[in-house]
Amino acid sequence: MLKTVRMYSTKWCADCRNAKQFLSRHNVPFDEVDIDGNDAAAGLVIEWSGGRRVIPTFHITEEGQAPVILHNPSHTVLAQQLGLTS
């Protein structure tokens, strides 16, 4: 089943750039939401993280499943969640 990946990030975040490179290397399509200047998106990140502005934050959905939210995950955790092989 196809998973939809949305990454909440900023342009200046090194971890965000690293995560984007990882997704690109594995041909994982994703939408990116820059939370700088986007109060609604920043608010979601803060809500999901329990009060912190953690980036990158991933919101991963799959039809019929509850969304999965990951805050600055390692490549291993991200790969496992997306069903990737190393």
N, C-alpha and C. Protein backbone atom coordinates (compact mmCIF):
# COMPACT_ATOMS: atom_id res chain seq x y z
N MET A 1 0.84 -1.18 0.00
CA MET A 1 0.00 0.00 0.00
C MET A 1 0.89 1.24 0.00
N LEU A 2 0.48 2.26 -0.70
CA LEU A 2 1.25 3.49 -0.84
C LEU A 2 1.17 4.36 0.40
N LYS A 3 2.32 4.80 0.87
CA LYS A 3 2.38 5.71 2.01
C LYS A 3 2.60 7.12 1.49
N THR A 4 1.96 8.08 2.15
CA THR A 4 2.14 9.48 1.82
C THR A 4 3.04 10.10 2.88
N VAL A 5 4.11 10.75 2.43
CA VAL A 5 5.10 11.31 3.35
C VAL A 5 5.08 12.83 3.23
N ARG A 6 4.88 13.49 4.36
CA ARG A 6 4.98 14.94 4.42
C ARG A 6 6.06 15.27 5.45
N MET A 7 7.03 16.08 5.03
CA MET A 7 8.13 16.45 5.91
C MET A 7 8.02 17.93 6.27
N TYR A 8 7.99 18.22 7.55
CA TYR A 8 7.97 19.59 8.05
C TYR A 8 9.42 19.96 8.36
N SER A 9 9.88 21.07 7.77
CA SER A 9 11.30 21.40 7.83
C SER A 9 11.50 22.91 7.73
N THR A 10 12.77 23.30 7.66
CA THR A 10 13.15 24.67 7.34
C THR A 10 14.30 24.61 6.34
N LYS A 11 14.55 25.72 5.68
CA LYS A 11 15.65 25.76 4.71
C LYS A 11 17.02 25.68 5.37
N TRP A 12 17.14 26.21 6.60
CA TRP A 12 18.43 26.30 7.27
C TRP A 12 18.82 25.05 8.05
N CYS A 13 17.95 24.06 8.15
CA CYS A 13 18.15 22.88 9.00
C CYS A 13 19.00 21.81 8.30
N ALA A 14 20.17 21.53 8.87
CA ALA A 14 21.06 20.52 8.29
C ALA A 14 20.44 19.12 8.37
N ASP A 15 19.76 18.79 9.47
CA ASP A 15 19.11 17.48 9.58
C ASP A 15 18.01 17.32 8.53
N CYS A 16 17.34 18.42 8.21
CA CYS A 16 16.29 18.40 7.18
C CYS A 16 16.91 18.11 5.81
N ARG A 17 18.00 18.79 5.49
CA ARG A 17 18.68 18.54 4.21
C ARG A 17 19.14 17.09 4.12
N ASN A 18 19.66 16.57 5.21
CA ASN A 18 20.12 15.20 5.26
C ASN A 18 18.95 14.23 5.01
N ALA A 19 17.83 14.49 5.65
CA ALA A 19 16.65 13.63 5.48
C ALA A 19 16.14 13.68 4.04
N LYS A 20 16.14 14.88 3.44
CA LYS A 20 15.70 15.01 2.04
C LYS A 20 16.61 14.20 1.12
N GLN A 21 17.91 14.25 1.36
CA GLN A 21 18.85 13.47 0.54
C GLN A 21 18.59 11.99 0.69
N PHE A 22 18.32 11.55 1.91
CA PHE A 22 18.01 10.14 2.16
C PHE A 22 16.77 9.71 1.38
N LEU A 23 15.71 10.50 1.47
CA LEU A 23 14.47 10.17 0.76
C LEU A 23 14.70 10.15 -0.75
N SER A 24 15.44 11.11 -1.25
CA SER A 24 15.72 11.17 -2.69
C SER A 24 16.53 9.96 -3.14
N ARG A 25 17.54 9.58 -2.35
CA ARG A 25 18.37 8.41 -2.69
C ARG A 25 17.53 7.15 -2.79
N HIS A 26 16.47 7.09 -2.00
CA HIS A 26 15.60 5.90 -1.99
C HIS A 26 14.34 6.09 -2.84
N ASN A 27 14.33 7.17 -3.63
CA ASN A 27 13.20 7.44 -4.53
C ASN A 27 11.86 7.47 -3.82
N VAL A 28 11.84 8.07 -2.63
CA VAL A 28 10.61 8.19 -1.86
C VAL A 28 10.00 9.56 -2.14
N PRO A 29 8.83 9.60 -2.75
CA PRO A 29 8.19 10.90 -2.98
C PRO A 29 7.71 11.48 -1.65
N PHE A 30 7.84 12.79 -1.52
CA PHE A 30 7.40 13.44 -0.29
C PHE A 30 7.03 14.89 -0.58
N ASP A 31 6.14 15.40 0.27
CA ASP A 31 5.79 16.82 0.24
C ASP A 31 6.59 17.46 1.35
N GLU A 32 7.06 18.67 1.10
CA GLU A 32 7.81 19.40 2.13
C GLU A 32 7.04 20.65 2.52
N VAL A 33 6.96 20.88 3.83
CA VAL A 33 6.31 22.07 4.35
C VAL A 33 7.35 22.83 5.17
N ASP A 34 7.69 24.04 4.70
CA ASP A 34 8.64 24.90 5.42
C ASP A 34 7.88 25.60 6.54
N ILE A 35 8.27 25.34 7.79
CA ILE A 35 7.51 25.89 8.91
C ILE A 35 7.93 27.32 9.26
N ASP A 36 9.03 27.81 8.68
CA ASP A 36 9.39 29.21 8.90
C ASP A 36 8.36 30.09 8.21
N GLY A 37 7.71 30.95 8.96
CA GLY A 37 6.71 31.84 8.39
C GLY A 37 5.36 31.18 8.18
N ASN A 38 5.22 29.92 8.56
CA ASN A 38 3.96 29.20 8.43
C ASN A 38 3.52 28.80 9.84
N ASP A 39 2.83 29.71 10.50
CA ASP A 39 2.45 29.50 11.90
C ASP A 39 1.58 28.25 12.10
N ALA A 40 0.71 27.96 11.16
CA ALA A 40 -0.16 26.79 11.29
C ALA A 40 0.67 25.50 11.26
N ALA A 41 1.61 25.41 10.33
CA ALA A 41 2.46 24.21 10.23
C ALA A 41 3.37 24.10 11.44
N ALA A 42 3.95 25.22 11.88
CA ALA A 42 4.80 25.21 13.07
C ALA A 42 3.99 24.77 14.28
N GLY A 43 2.74 25.21 14.36
CA GLY A 43 1.86 24.83 15.45
C GLY A 43 1.60 23.33 15.49
N LEU A 44 1.44 22.72 14.31
CA LEU A 44 1.24 21.28 14.24
C LEU A 44 2.46 20.54 14.78
N VAL A 45 3.64 20.98 14.35
CA VAL A 45 4.88 20.34 14.80
C VAL A 45 4.99 20.43 16.33
N ILE A 46 4.70 21.60 16.86
CA ILE A 46 4.78 21.81 18.31
C ILE A 46 3.74 20.94 19.03
N GLU A 47 2.55 20.87 18.49
CA GLU A 47 1.49 20.05 19.09
C GLU A 47 1.88 18.57 19.09
N TRP A 48 2.36 18.08 17.94
CA TRP A 48 2.71 16.67 17.80
C TRP A 48 3.90 16.28 18.68
N SER A 49 4.78 17.23 18.95
CA SER A 49 5.99 16.90 19.71
C SER A 49 5.84 17.14 21.21
N GLY A 50 4.69 17.59 21.63
CA GLY A 50 4.48 17.85 23.04
C GLY A 50 5.08 19.16 23.51
N GLY A 51 5.14 20.13 22.61
CA GLY A 51 5.56 21.47 23.01
C GLY A 51 6.90 21.93 22.47
N ARG A 52 7.55 21.11 21.66
CA ARG A 52 8.85 21.51 21.10
C ARG A 52 8.75 21.66 19.58
N ARG A 53 9.60 22.50 19.05
CA ARG A 53 9.66 22.70 17.60
C ARG A 53 10.80 21.82 17.07
N VAL A 54 10.48 20.57 16.78
CA VAL A 54 11.47 19.59 16.36
C VAL A 54 11.37 19.39 14.85
N ILE A 55 12.49 19.58 14.16
CA ILE A 55 12.51 19.34 12.71
C ILE A 55 13.73 18.49 12.37
N PRO A 56 13.64 17.70 11.34
CA PRO A 56 12.43 17.46 10.56
C PRO A 56 11.41 16.62 11.34
N THR A 57 10.16 16.91 11.09
CA THR A 57 9.07 16.09 11.59
C THR A 57 8.37 15.48 10.39
N PHE A 58 8.15 14.19 10.46
CA PHE A 58 7.49 13.47 9.36
C PHE A 58 6.08 13.07 9.78
N HIS A 59 5.15 13.30 8.88
CA HIS A 59 3.75 12.86 9.04
C HIS A 59 3.53 11.87 7.91
N ILE A 60 3.42 10.59 8.28
CA ILE A 60 3.34 9.52 7.28
C ILE A 60 1.96 8.87 7.40
N THR A 61 1.25 8.83 6.28
CA THR A 61 -0.08 8.24 6.27
C THR A 61 -0.15 7.09 5.28
N GLU A 62 -1.03 6.17 5.60
CA GLU A 62 -1.32 5.04 4.73
C GLU A 62 -2.80 4.76 4.87
N GLU A 63 -3.47 4.55 3.77
CA GLU A 63 -4.92 4.35 3.80
C GLU A 63 -5.31 3.26 4.80
N GLY A 64 -6.28 3.59 5.64
CA GLY A 64 -6.77 2.64 6.60
C GLY A 64 -5.95 2.54 7.88
N GLN A 65 -4.87 3.31 7.98
CA GLN A 65 -4.00 3.27 9.15
C GLN A 65 -3.96 4.64 9.83
N ALA A 66 -3.66 4.63 11.12
CA ALA A 66 -3.46 5.90 11.83
C ALA A 66 -2.16 6.54 11.35
N PRO A 67 -2.10 7.86 11.28
CA PRO A 67 -0.86 8.52 10.86
C PRO A 67 0.27 8.21 11.83
N VAL A 68 1.48 8.17 11.29
CA VAL A 68 2.68 8.00 12.09
C VAL A 68 3.43 9.32 12.07
N ILE A 69 3.85 9.78 13.23
CA ILE A 69 4.60 11.03 13.33
C ILE A 69 5.97 10.70 13.88
N LEU A 70 6.99 11.12 13.17
CA LEU A 70 8.38 10.90 13.59
C LEU A 70 9.07 12.24 13.71
N HIS A 71 9.80 12.42 14.81
CA HIS A 71 10.53 13.67 15.05
C HIS A 71 12.02 13.41 14.90
N ASN A 72 12.62 13.99 13.88
CA ASN A 72 14.05 13.87 13.59
C ASN A 72 14.52 12.42 13.74
N PRO A 73 13.91 11.51 12.98
CA PRO A 73 14.27 10.09 13.12
C PRO A 73 15.62 9.79 12.48
N SER A 74 16.25 8.73 12.96
CA SER A 74 17.46 8.24 12.30
C SER A 74 17.06 7.68 10.93
N HIS A 75 18.06 7.49 10.07
CA HIS A 75 17.77 6.90 8.77
C HIS A 75 17.21 5.49 8.95
N THR A 76 17.70 4.77 9.94
CA THR A 76 17.23 3.40 10.18
C THR A 76 15.74 3.38 10.53
N VAL A 77 15.34 4.26 11.43
CA VAL A 77 13.93 4.33 11.84
C VAL A 77 13.06 4.75 10.67
N LEU A 78 13.51 5.75 9.92
CA LEU A 78 12.75 6.22 8.76
C LEU A 78 12.62 5.10 7.72
N ALA A 79 13.71 4.40 7.45
CA ALA A 79 13.67 3.30 6.49
C ALA A 79 12.72 2.20 6.94
N GLN A 80 12.74 1.87 8.22
CA GLN A 80 11.83 0.84 8.73
C GLN A 80 10.39 1.27 8.57
N GLN A 81 10.09 2.51 8.90
CA GLN A 81 8.71 3.00 8.81
C GLN A 81 8.22 3.02 7.36
N LEU A 82 9.13 3.28 6.43
CA LEU A 82 8.75 3.37 5.03
C LEU A 82 8.88 2.03 4.30
N GLY A 83 9.33 1.01 5.01
CA GLY A 83 9.46 -0.32 4.40
C GLY A 83 10.60 -0.40 3.41
N LEU A 84 11.66 0.37 3.64
CA LEU A 84 12.82 0.37 2.75
C LEU A 84 13.84 -0.66 3.21
N THR A 85 14.58 -1.17 2.26
CA THR A 85 15.72 -2.03 2.61
C THR A 85 16.96 -1.15 2.52
N SER A 86 17.94 -1.43 3.36
CA SER A 86 19.13 -0.58 3.36
C SER A 86 19.88 -0.81 2.13
